[in-house]
Amino acid sequence: MSLAISTPARGGSGAPQWSHLILPGPDPVPVQIYRPAPANGPPAGFLVRAHGGSWRHGSATEWHHATATLVERSGWTVISVDYRLAPQHRHPRAVHDVGRPCHNYCG
């Protein structure tokens, strides 16, 4: 994995922290990992999230604020996947991209 950024999502000590990573492999997958603020205790769970866009448009960056809010309200760690979009990439590539964090982190 390559770490590019690590910063509070909204600023302040209670804001979720996030970092941009590239998951390695034959088709590298960019993800944004959001963690609850350390002051709020350990994460309550783990979620892999596909941003909105019906597999055809959008990005994890465009959904940054919604994802940060999800982390802030749920207390969960969230991995937001910047999956490959159709029609440039045929099915099931986007689904495989979204599943990659589970393969990398869950065994």
Foldseek 3Di string as FASTA:
>chain_A
DDWDDWDFLVDDQQFWIKIWDWCDDPDIWIKIKTAGRVVVPHAPEEEQDEDDDPLADDACVNCSVVVRVCCSVRSHIYIYTGFHGPPVDDPPRRVVRSCVVCVVPVD
